[in-house]
């Protein structure tokens, strides 16, 4: 498996997506600390975190675990 520059950039992007999702779960953003506690803001924060983690996992799964189809041969 050749590891080219594009795969490296895509891998880093997937890892960063997962890291940002985990940080949203763990650390409460500064803007939410200033605002009064509301159920909608809490829901939105966790909703975005789940999609960040899911998107990063999907990207890494697609890069490393999905079999790539061979390009059609020209005849």
Protein backbone atom coordinates (compact mmCIF):
# COMPACT_ATOMS: atom_id res chain seq x y z
CA UNK A 1 0.00 0.00 0.00
CA UNK A 2 1.59 3.20 -1.13
CA UNK A 3 1.18 5.97 1.39
CA UNK A 4 1.02 9.16 -0.61
CA UNK A 5 0.52 12.79 0.42
CA UNK A 6 -3.26 12.63 -0.20
CA UNK A 7 -3.73 9.66 2.14
CA UNK A 8 -1.67 11.40 4.80
CA UNK A 9 -3.79 14.56 4.59
CA UNK A 10 -7.03 12.56 4.66
CA UNK A 11 -5.82 10.55 7.67
CA UNK A 12 -4.92 13.70 9.58
CA UNK A 13 -8.30 15.22 8.71
CA UNK A 14 -10.14 12.13 10.00
CA UNK A 15 -8.15 12.14 13.23
CA UNK A 16 -8.83 15.85 13.75
CA UNK A 17 -12.57 15.33 13.24
CA UNK A 18 -12.61 12.61 15.88
CA UNK A 19 -10.51 14.72 18.27
CA UNK A 20 -12.84 17.72 17.94
CA UNK A 21 -15.87 15.51 18.56
CA UNK A 22 -14.31 14.05 21.70
CA UNK A 23 -13.36 17.53 22.92
CA UNK A 24 -16.96 18.68 22.52
CA UNK A 25 -18.05 15.78 24.74
CA UNK A 26 -15.41 16.43 27.38
CA UNK A 27 -14.98 20.20 27.52
CA UNK A 28 -17.80 22.70 27.57
CA UNK A 29 -17.12 25.52 25.07
CA UNK A 30 -16.58 29.01 26.47
CA UNK A 31 -19.67 30.46 24.74
CA UNK A 32 -21.90 27.86 26.40
CA UNK A 33 -20.40 28.60 29.81
CA UNK A 34 -21.43 32.24 29.47
CA UNK A 35 -24.99 31.50 28.36
CA UNK A 36 -27.66 30.18 30.71
CA UNK A 37 -28.05 26.42 30.64
CA UNK A 38 -30.54 25.43 28.00
CA UNK A 39 -31.58 21.99 26.86
CA UNK A 40 -31.37 22.95 23.19
CA UNK A 41 -27.74 24.12 23.39
CA UNK A 42 -26.75 20.96 25.25
CA UNK A 43 -28.53 18.80 22.68
CA UNK A 44 -26.93 20.69 19.79
CA UNK A 45 -23.47 20.33 21.31
CA UNK A 46 -23.78 16.56 21.69
CA UNK A 47 -25.45 16.25 18.27
CA UNK A 48 -22.53 18.01 16.57
CA UNK A 49 -20.01 15.95 18.58
CA UNK A 50 -21.61 12.68 17.46
CA UNK A 51 -21.51 13.74 13.82
CA UNK A 52 -17.88 14.86 14.07
CA UNK A 53 -16.84 11.53 15.57
CA UNK A 54 -18.95 9.60 13.06
CA UNK A 55 -17.57 11.56 10.11
CA UNK A 56 -13.97 11.05 11.23
CA UNK A 57 -14.52 7.34 11.81
CA UNK A 58 -16.19 6.98 8.42
CA UNK A 59 -13.28 8.75 6.72
CA UNK A 60 -10.66 6.56 8.40
CA UNK A 61 -12.69 3.40 7.78
CA UNK A 62 -13.02 4.31 4.10
CA UNK A 63 -9.30 4.97 3.80
CA UNK A 64 -8.00 1.84 5.47
CA UNK A 65 -10.65 -0.88 5.57
CA UNK A 66 -12.68 -0.57 2.37
CA UNK A 67 -11.39 -2.47 -0.61
CA UNK A 68 -10.68 -0.26 -3.55
CA UNK A 69 -12.03 -1.25 -6.90
CA UNK A 70 -9.48 -1.64 -9.64
CA UNK A 71 -9.84 0.94 -12.40
CA UNK A 72 -11.41 -0.50 -15.53
CA UNK A 73 -8.81 -1.59 -18.04
CA UNK A 74 -8.85 0.11 -21.39
CA UNK A 75 -9.09 -2.27 -24.31
